[in-house]
Every structure is written in C-alpha cells, then in structure tokens.
PDB file of N, CA and C in Angstrom:
ATOM      1  N   MET A   1      66.482 -64.063 -29.630  1.00  0.00           N
ATOM      2  CA  MET A   1      67.878 -64.451 -29.727  1.00  0.00           C
ATOM      3  C   MET A   1      68.014 -65.937 -29.742  1.00  0.00           C
ATOM      4  N   ASP A   2      68.953 -66.467 -30.501  1.00  0.00           N
ATOM      5  CA  ASP A   2      69.198 -67.861 -30.399  1.00  0.00           C
ATOM      6  C   ASP A   2      70.002 -68.153 -29.119  1.00  0.00           C
ATOM      7  N   ASP A   3      70.025 -69.417 -28.762  1.00  0.00           N
ATOM      8  CA  ASP A   3      70.667 -69.815 -27.466  1.00  0.00           C
ATOM      9  C   ASP A   3      72.086 -69.328 -27.296  1.00  0.00           C
ATOM     10  N   LEU A   4      72.904 -69.494 -28.338  1.00  0.00           N
ATOM     11  CA  LEU A   4      74.313 -69.085 -28.231  1.00  0.00           C
ATOM     12  C   LEU A   4      74.426 -67.584 -28.054  1.00  0.00           C
ATOM     13  N   LYS A   5      73.725 -66.809 -28.826  1.00  0.00           N
ATOM     14  CA  LYS A   5      73.781 -65.346 -28.672  1.00  0.00           C
ATOM     15  C   LYS A   5      73.234 -64.923 -27.352  1.00  0.00           C
ATOM     16  N   ASP A   6      72.183 -65.585 -26.904  1.00  0.00           N
ATOM     17  CA  ASP A   6      71.577 -65.316 -25.624  1.00  0.00           C
ATOM     18  C   ASP A   6      72.613 -65.516 -24.461  1.00  0.00           C
ATOM     19  N   GLN A   7      73.313 -66.661 -24.545  1.00  0.00           N
ATOM     20  CA  GLN A   7      74.331 -66.978 -23.530  1.00  0.00           C
ATOM     21  C   GLN A   7      75.490 -65.961 -23.565  1.00  0.00           C
ATOM     22  N   GLU A   8      75.904 -65.586 -24.739  1.00  0.00           N
ATOM     23  CA  GLU A   8      76.961 -64.593 -24.887  1.00  0.00           C
ATOM     24  C   GLU A   8      76.508 -63.233 -24.347  1.00  0.00           C
ATOM     25  N   PHE A   9      75.264 -62.859 -24.601  1.00  0.00           N
ATOM     26  CA  PHE A   9      74.720 -61.636 -24.093  1.00  0.00           C
ATOM     27  C   PHE A   9      74.757 -61.603 -22.545  1.00  0.00           C
ATOM     28  N   HIS A  10      74.228 -62.673 -21.916  1.00  0.00           N
ATOM     29  CA  HIS A  10      74.190 -62.709 -20.467  1.00  0.00           C
ATOM     30  C   HIS A  10      75.602 -62.723 -19.849  1.00  0.00           C
ATOM     31  N   LYS A  11      76.535 -63.399 -20.541  1.00  0.00           N
ATOM     32  CA  LYS A  11      77.930 -63.395 -20.103  1.00  0.00           C
ATOM     33  C   LYS A  11      78.514 -61.971 -20.175  1.00  0.00           C
ATOM     34  N   SER A  12      78.150 -61.221 -21.194  1.00  0.00           N
ATOM     35  CA  SER A  12      78.610 -59.865 -21.365  1.00  0.00           C
ATOM     36  C   SER A  12      78.085 -58.997 -20.220  1.00  0.00           C
ATOM     37  N   ILE A  13      76.795 -59.158 -19.888  1.00  0.00           N
ATOM     38  CA  ILE A  13      76.232 -58.401 -18.768  1.00  0.00           C
ATOM     39  C   ILE A  13      76.973 -58.743 -17.466  1.00  0.00           C
ATOM     40  N   GLU A  14      77.176 -60.021 -17.226  1.00  0.00           N
ATOM     41  CA  GLU A  14      77.860 -60.497 -16.032  1.00  0.00           C
ATOM     42  C   GLU A  14      79.275 -59.877 -15.996  1.00  0.00           C
ATOM     43  N   ASP A  15      79.997 -59.916 -17.087  1.00  0.00           N
ATOM     44  CA  ASP A  15      81.362 -59.369 -17.132  1.00  0.00           C
ATOM     45  C   ASP A  15      81.355 -57.860 -16.899  1.00  0.00           C
ATOM     46  N   PHE A  16      80.366 -57.181 -17.490  1.00  0.00           N
ATOM     47  CA  PHE A  16      80.252 -55.712 -17.283  1.00  0.00           C
ATOM     48  C   PHE A  16      80.047 -55.398 -15.784  1.00  0.00           C
ATOM     49  N   LEU A  17      79.109 -56.099 -15.182  1.00  0.00           N
ATOM     50  CA  LEU A  17      78.831 -55.853 -13.717  1.00  0.00           C
ATOM     51  C   LEU A  17      80.008 -56.230 -12.863  1.00  0.00           C
ATOM     52  N   LYS A  18      80.698 -57.301 -13.181  1.00  0.00           N
ATOM     53  CA  LYS A  18      81.915 -57.650 -12.420  1.00  0.00           C
ATOM     54  C   LYS A  18      83.023 -56.612 -12.560  1.00  0.00           C
ATOM     55  N   THR A  19      83.165 -56.083 -13.768  1.00  0.00           N
ATOM     56  CA  THR A  19      84.185 -55.043 -13.982  1.00  0.00           C
ATOM     57  C   THR A  19      83.809 -53.763 -13.138  1.00  0.00           C
ATOM     58  N   LEU A  20      82.569 -53.400 -13.183  1.00  0.00           N
ATOM     59  CA  LEU A  20      82.150 -52.270 -12.381  1.00  0.00           C
ATOM     60  C   LEU A  20      82.360 -52.507 -10.908  1.00  0.00           C
ATOM     61  N   ASN A  21      82.081 -53.725 -10.457  1.00  0.00           N
ATOM     62  CA  ASN A  21      82.283 -54.103  -9.065  1.00  0.00           C
ATOM     63  C   ASN A  21      83.747 -53.925  -8.682  1.00  0.00           C
ATOM     64  N   LYS A  22      84.655 -54.330  -9.565  1.00  0.00           N
ATOM     65  CA  LYS A  22      86.083 -54.165  -9.301  1.00  0.00           C
ATOM     66  C   LYS A  22      86.460 -52.686  -9.188  1.00  0.00           C
ATOM     67  N   MET A  23      85.708 -51.851  -9.844  1.00  0.00           N
ATOM     68  CA  MET A  23      85.957 -50.411  -9.804  1.00  0.00           C
ATOM     69  C   MET A  23      85.268 -49.801  -8.539  1.00  0.00           C
ATOM     70  N   GLY A  24      84.584 -50.628  -7.752  1.00  0.00           N
ATOM     71  CA  GLY A  24      83.907 -50.091  -6.580  1.00  0.00           C
ATOM     72  C   GLY A  24      82.449 -49.658  -6.834  1.00  0.00           C
ATOM     73  N   ILE A  25      81.924 -50.084  -7.961  1.00  0.00           N
ATOM     74  CA  ILE A  25      80.549 -49.743  -8.289  1.00  0.00           C
ATOM     75  C   ILE A  25      79.706 -50.993  -8.220  1.00  0.00           C
ATOM     76  N   ASN A  26      78.790 -51.080  -7.232  1.00  0.00           N
ATOM     77  CA  ASN A  26      77.992 -52.250  -7.091  1.00  0.00           C
ATOM     78  C   ASN A  26      76.709 -52.171  -7.857  1.00  0.00           C
ATOM     79  N   MET A  27      75.966 -53.278  -7.876  1.00  0.00           N
ATOM     80  CA  MET A  27      74.729 -53.340  -8.681  1.00  0.00           C
ATOM     81  C   MET A  27      73.683 -52.299  -8.204  1.00  0.00           C
ATOM     82  N   GLU A  28      73.694 -52.010  -6.887  1.00  0.00           N
ATOM     83  CA  GLU A  28      72.726 -51.044  -6.397  1.00  0.00           C
ATOM     84  C   GLU A  28      73.034 -49.669  -7.030  1.00  0.00           C
ATOM     85  N   GLU A  29      74.307 -49.299  -7.110  1.00  0.00           N
ATOM     86  CA  GLU A  29      74.700 -48.019  -7.705  1.00  0.00           C
ATOM     87  C   GLU A  29      74.364 -47.992  -9.195  1.00  0.00           C
ATOM     88  N   VAL A  30      74.652 -49.093  -9.902  1.00  0.00           N
ATOM     89  CA  VAL A  30      74.293 -49.164 -11.317  1.00  0.00           C
ATOM     90  C   VAL A  30      72.760 -48.956 -11.493  1.00  0.00           C
ATOM     91  N   SER A  31      71.983 -49.626 -10.636  1.00  0.00           N
ATOM     92  CA  SER A  31      70.544 -49.489 -10.676  1.00  0.00           C
ATOM     93  C   SER A  31      70.102 -48.044 -10.480  1.00  0.00           C
ATOM     94  N   LYS A  32      70.662 -47.452  -9.442  1.00  0.00           N
ATOM     95  CA  LYS A  32      70.263 -46.058  -9.086  1.00  0.00           C
ATOM     96  C   LYS A  32      70.630 -45.087 -10.229  1.00  0.00           C
ATOM     97  N   GLN A  33      71.860 -45.214 -10.758  1.00  0.00           N
ATOM     98  CA  GLN A  33      72.319 -44.314 -11.780  1.00  0.00           C
ATOM     99  C   GLN A  33      71.733 -44.569 -13.171  1.00  0.00           C
ATOM    100  N   SER A  34      71.390 -45.789 -13.491  1.00  0.00           N
ATOM    101  CA  SER A  34      70.854 -46.141 -14.805  1.00  0.00           C
ATOM    102  C   SER A  34      69.385 -46.093 -14.877  1.00  0.00           C
ATOM    103  N   GLY A  35      68.692 -46.250 -13.716  1.00  0.00           N
ATOM    104  CA  GLY A  35      67.254 -46.299 -13.757  1.00  0.00           C
ATOM    105  C   GLY A  35      66.718 -47.662 -14.043  1.00  0.00           C
ATOM    106  N   ILE A  36      67.610 -48.688 -13.958  1.00  0.00           N
ATOM    107  CA  ILE A  36      67.173 -50.078 -14.224  1.00  0.00           C
ATOM    108  C   ILE A  36      67.143 -50.785 -12.888  1.00  0.00           C
ATOM    109  N   SER A  37      66.082 -51.516 -12.584  1.00  0.00           N
ATOM    110  CA  SER A  37      65.966 -52.150 -11.277  1.00  0.00           C
ATOM    111  C   SER A  37      67.047 -53.194 -11.063  1.00  0.00           C
ATOM    112  N   LYS A  38      67.409 -53.337  -9.772  1.00  0.00           N
ATOM    113  CA  LYS A  38      68.370 -54.357  -9.393  1.00  0.00           C
ATOM    114  C   LYS A  38      67.843 -55.770  -9.791  1.00  0.00           C
ATOM    115  N   HIS A  39      66.571 -55.915  -9.687  1.00  0.00           N
ATOM    116  CA  HIS A  39      65.958 -57.232 -10.069  1.00  0.00           C
ATOM    117  C   HIS A  39      66.191 -57.508 -11.533  1.00  0.00           C
ATOM    118  N   SER A  40      66.004 -56.487 -12.396  1.00  0.00           N
ATOM    119  CA  SER A  40      66.232 -56.685 -13.830  1.00  0.00           C
ATOM    120  C   SER A  40      67.709 -56.997 -14.109  1.00  0.00           C
ATOM    121  N   LEU A  41      68.597 -56.234 -13.525  1.00  0.00           N
ATOM    122  CA  LEU A  41      70.039 -56.481 -13.742  1.00  0.00           C
ATOM    123  C   LEU A  41      70.418 -57.900 -13.279  1.00  0.00           C
ATOM    124  N   SER A  42      69.900 -58.307 -12.195  1.00  0.00           N
ATOM    125  CA  SER A  42      70.169 -59.667 -11.692  1.00  0.00           C
ATOM    126  C   SER A  42      69.606 -60.730 -12.635  1.00  0.00           C
ATOM    127  N   ASP A  43      68.408 -60.501 -13.087  1.00  0.00           N
ATOM    128  CA  ASP A  43      67.812 -61.472 -14.018  1.00  0.00           C
ATOM    129  C   ASP A  43      68.584 -61.580 -15.311  1.00  0.00           C
ATOM    130  N   TRP A  44      69.072 -60.458 -15.852  1.00  0.00           N
ATOM    131  CA  TRP A  44      69.861 -60.495 -17.082  1.00  0.00           C
ATOM    132  C   TRP A  44      71.154 -61.265 -16.832  1.00  0.00           C
ATOM    133  N   ARG A  45      71.756 -60.928 -15.723  1.00  0.00           N
ATOM    134  CA  ARG A  45      73.059 -61.507 -15.374  1.00  0.00           C
ATOM    135  C   ARG A  45      72.913 -63.039 -15.234  1.00  0.00           C
ATOM    136  N   ASN A  46      71.799 -63.505 -14.675  1.00  0.00           N
ATOM    137  CA  ASN A  46      71.616 -64.932 -14.417  1.00  0.00           C
ATOM    138  C   ASN A  46      70.856 -65.643 -15.508  1.00  0.00           C
ATOM    139  N   ASN A  47      70.687 -65.000 -16.648  1.00  0.00           N
ATOM    140  CA  ASN A  47      70.034 -65.631 -17.772  1.00  0.00           C
ATOM    141  C   ASN A  47      68.599 -65.972 -17.529  1.00  0.00           C
ATOM    142  N   ASN A  48      67.944 -65.200 -16.673  1.00  0.00           N
ATOM    143  CA  ASN A  48      66.511 -65.413 -16.402  1.00  0.00           C
ATOM    144  C   ASN A  48      65.581 -64.584 -17.289  1.00  0.00           C
ATOM    145  N   SER A  49      66.147 -63.527 -17.889  1.00  0.00           N
ATOM    146  CA  SER A  49      65.355 -62.716 -18.792  1.00  0.00           C
ATOM    147  C   SER A  49      66.309 -61.951 -19.699  1.00  0.00           C
ATOM    148  N   THR A  50      65.735 -61.370 -20.755  1.00  0.00           N
ATOM    149  CA  THR A  50      66.490 -60.588 -21.674  1.00  0.00           C
ATOM    150  C   THR A  50      65.906 -59.159 -21.670  1.00  0.00           C
ATOM    151  N   PRO A  51      66.722 -58.134 -21.641  1.00  0.00           N
ATOM    152  CA  PRO A  51      66.227 -56.786 -21.505  1.00  0.00           C
ATOM    153  C   PRO A  51      65.504 -56.273 -22.748  1.00  0.00           C
ATOM    154  N   LYS A  52      64.573 -55.387 -22.492  1.00  0.00           N
ATOM    155  CA  LYS A  52      63.925 -54.705 -23.599  1.00  0.00           C
ATOM    156  C   LYS A  52      64.886 -53.670 -24.153  1.00  0.00           C
ATOM    157  N   ARG A  53      64.625 -53.264 -25.332  1.00  0.00           N
ATOM    158  CA  ARG A  53      65.512 -52.270 -26.025  1.00  0.00           C
ATOM    159  C   ARG A  53      65.638 -51.007 -25.202  1.00  0.00           C
ATOM    160  N   GLN A  54      64.594 -50.524 -24.627  1.00  0.00           N
ATOM    161  CA  GLN A  54      64.646 -49.292 -23.810  1.00  0.00           C
ATOM    162  C   GLN A  54      65.632 -49.439 -22.635  1.00  0.00           C
ATOM    163  N   ASN A  55      65.641 -50.595 -21.998  1.00  0.00           N
ATOM    164  CA  ASN A  55      66.600 -50.793 -20.888  1.00  0.00           C
ATOM    165  C   ASN A  55      68.023 -50.975 -21.383  1.00  0.00           C
ATOM    166  N   LEU A  56      68.206 -51.561 -22.560  1.00  0.00           N
ATOM    167  CA  LEU A  56      69.576 -51.657 -23.114  1.00  0.00           C
ATOM    168  C   LEU A  56      70.082 -50.276 -23.394  1.00  0.00           C
ATOM    169  N   LYS A  57      69.250 -49.407 -23.867  1.00  0.00           N
ATOM    170  CA  LYS A  57      69.656 -48.023 -24.143  1.00  0.00           C
ATOM    171  C   LYS A  57      70.004 -47.330 -22.825  1.00  0.00           C
ATOM    172  N   LYS A  58      69.267 -47.581 -21.767  1.00  0.00           N
ATOM    173  CA  LYS A  58      69.623 -47.015 -20.488  1.00  0.00           C
ATOM    174  C   LYS A  58      70.970 -47.482 -19.990  1.00  0.00           C
ATOM    175  N   LEU A  59      71.254 -48.775 -20.142  1.00  0.00           N
ATOM    176  CA  LEU A  59      72.475 -49.351 -19.714  1.00  0.00           C
ATOM    177  C   LEU A  59      73.645 -48.800 -20.574  1.00  0.00           C
ATOM    178  N   ARG A  60      73.420 -48.681 -21.879  1.00  0.00           N
ATOM    179  CA  ARG A  60      74.405 -48.089 -22.749  1.00  0.00           C
ATOM    180  C   ARG A  60      74.703 -46.637 -22.335  1.00  0.00           C
ATOM    181  N   ASP A  61      73.692 -45.856 -22.071  1.00  0.00           N
ATOM    182  CA  ASP A  61      73.843 -44.463 -21.687  1.00  0.00           C
ATOM    183  C   ASP A  61      74.644 -44.346 -20.378  1.00  0.00           C
ATOM    184  N   TYR A  62      74.312 -45.262 -19.435  1.00  0.00           N
ATOM    185  CA  TYR A  62      74.989 -45.267 -18.172  1.00  0.00           C
ATOM    186  C   TYR A  62      76.473 -45.574 -18.368  1.00  0.00           C
ATOM    187  N   ALA A  63      76.770 -46.571 -19.187  1.00  0.00           N
ATOM    188  CA  ALA A  63      78.177 -46.997 -19.424  1.00  0.00           C
ATOM    189  C   ALA A  63      78.925 -45.808 -20.136  1.00  0.00           C
ATOM    190  N   LEU A  64      78.288 -45.141 -21.093  1.00  0.00           N
ATOM    191  CA  LEU A  64      78.947 -44.043 -21.768  1.00  0.00           C
ATOM    192  C   LEU A  64      79.174 -42.862 -20.815  1.00  0.00           C
ATOM    193  N   ASP A  65      78.202 -42.575 -19.967  1.00  0.00           N
ATOM    194  CA  ASP A  65      78.399 -41.507 -18.987  1.00  0.00           C
ATOM    195  C   ASP A  65      79.559 -41.834 -18.085  1.00  0.00           C
ATOM    196  N   LEU A  66      79.629 -43.084 -17.627  1.00  0.00           N
ATOM    197  CA  LEU A  66      80.691 -43.521 -16.735  1.00  0.00           C
ATOM    198  C   LEU A  66      82.031 -43.383 -17.415  1.00  0.00           C
ATOM    199  N   LEU A  67      82.100 -43.833 -18.670  1.00  0.00           N
ATOM    200  CA  LEU A  67      83.323 -43.755 -19.444  1.00  0.00           C
ATOM    201  C   LEU A  67      83.766 -42.318 -19.622  1.00  0.00           C
ATOM    202  N   ASN A  68      82.841 -41.430 -19.935  1.00  0.00           N
ATOM    203  CA  ASN A  68      83.141 -40.018 -20.090  1.00  0.00           C
ATOM    204  C   ASN A  68      83.624 -39.405 -18.796  1.00  0.00           C
ATOM    205  N   THR A  69      83.039 -39.794 -17.682  1.00  0.00           N
ATOM    206  CA  THR A  69      83.513 -39.296 -16.372  1.00  0.00           C
ATOM    207  C   THR A  69      84.926 -39.792 -16.113  1.00  0.00           C
ATOM    208  N   CYS A  70      85.142 -41.018 -16.394  1.00  0.00           N
ATOM    209  CA  CYS A  70      86.521 -41.573 -16.210  1.00  0.00           C
ATOM    210  C   CYS A  70      87.576 -40.829 -17.043  1.00  0.00           C
ATOM    211  N   LEU A  71      87.183 -40.535 -18.287  1.00  0.00           N
ATOM    212  CA  LEU A  71      88.087 -39.885 -19.183  1.00  0.00           C
ATOM    213  C   LEU A  71      88.410 -38.458 -18.703  1.00  0.00           C
ATOM    214  N   LEU A  72      87.484 -37.814 -18.029  1.00  0.00           N
ATOM    215  CA  LEU A  72      87.738 -36.511 -17.495  1.00  0.00           C
ATOM    216  C   LEU A  72      88.868 -36.497 -16.458  1.00  0.00           C
ATOM    217  N   TYR A  73      89.003 -37.632 -15.796  1.00  0.00           N
ATOM    218  CA  TYR A  73      90.035 -37.712 -14.747  1.00  0.00           C
ATOM    219  C   TYR A  73      91.292 -38.410 -15.196  1.00  0.00           C
ATOM    220  N   THR A  74      91.448 -38.603 -16.467  1.00  0.00           N
ATOM    221  CA  THR A  74      92.616 -39.309 -17.020  1.00  0.00           C
ATOM    222  C   THR A  74      93.698 -38.268 -17.237  1.00  0.00           C
ATOM    223  N   SER A  75      94.872 -38.606 -16.778  1.00  0.00           N
ATOM    224  CA  SER A  75      96.083 -37.742 -17.041  1.00  0.00           C
ATOM    225  C   SER A  75      96.572 -38.052 -18.467  1.00  0.00           C
ATOM    226  N   ASP A  76      97.681 -37.457 -18.788  1.00  0.00           N
ATOM    227  CA  ASP A  76      98.244 -37.661 -20.124  1.00  0.00           C
ATOM    228  C   ASP A  76      98.610 -39.116 -20.343  1.00  0.00           C
ATOM    229  N   ALA A  77      99.014 -39.832 -19.350  1.00  0.00           N
ATOM    230  CA  ALA A  77      99.387 -41.268 -19.462  1.00  0.00           C
ATOM    231  C   ALA A  77      98.113 -42.101 -19.476  1.00  0.00           C
ATOM    232  N   ALA A  78      97.989 -42.956 -20.498  1.00  0.00           N
ATOM    233  CA  ALA A  78      96.769 -43.770 -20.644  1.00  0.00           C
ATOM    234  C   ALA A  78      96.581 -44.726 -19.478  1.00  0.00           C
ATOM    235  N   ASP A  79      97.646 -45.154 -18.838  1.00  0.00           N
ATOM    236  CA  ASP A  79      97.513 -46.122 -17.781  1.00  0.00           C
ATOM    237  C   ASP A  79      97.221 -45.478 -16.409  1.00  0.00           C
ATOM    238  N   ASP A  80      97.019 -44.140 -16.402  1.00  0.00           N
ATOM    239  CA  ASP A  80      96.710 -43.464 -15.160  1.00  0.00           C
ATOM    240  C   ASP A  80      95.196 -43.235 -14.963  1.00  0.00           C
ATOM    241  N   LEU A  81      94.391 -44.013 -15.628  1.00  0.00           N
ATOM    242  CA  LEU A  81      92.926 -43.897 -15.503  1.00  0.00           C
ATOM    243  C   LEU A  81      92.569 -44.158 -14.037  1.00  0.00           C
ATOM    244  N   LEU A  82      91.857 -43.224 -13.469  1.00  0.00           N
ATOM    245  CA  LEU A  82      91.541 -43.241 -12.037  1.00  0.00           C
ATOM    246  C   LEU A  82      90.281 -43.974 -11.676  1.00  0.00           C
ATOM    247  N   CYS A  83      89.447 -44.312 -12.652  1.00  0.00           N
ATOM    248  CA  CYS A  83      88.183 -44.991 -12.261  1.00  0.00           C
ATOM    249  C   CYS A  83      88.186 -46.417 -12.692  1.00  0.00           C
TER     250      CYS A  83
END
C-alpha cells in the first residue's frame, strides 16, 4: 500500500474499533469472536502493521455477522436498532 492508502486503512480500523467500543464491544471481544489476536488488532490500529488477506476476511466476516445479528433485533423503525 502507498502511504496515503495505508494511513486511510489504519484510520478505518481505528474508527471501526471505536464504533464497536461505543456499542459496548471491546477489543478483547472482537479478538475472541473474530479469531484475530488483540496484538494484531492493536498493531493495525496503531499503524504498526498491515493485516494479511486471511485476517481481513476474518474481520469482514465478524463485522457481517455482527451486522446480521443487529438486524435481527431491529424493529420496523430504522432508528430502533438495538446494537
């Protein structure tokens, strides 16, 4: 990745983890549920390393599973999302 894309990627990871934290999901829970080590998540967030494709797929799958779970608990009103 070039420097700009690399910075944007790490910012995206940081934003993703912050959003999850606001939902009450900490990095330890993300690690446990996704199968990605806390160390790796922290390194990505802090721009110390870039994930391998396999781990990006794990993170994507975790995010999609979380979204699907949230959607199961959504009422008819879009702003009533409970997660």
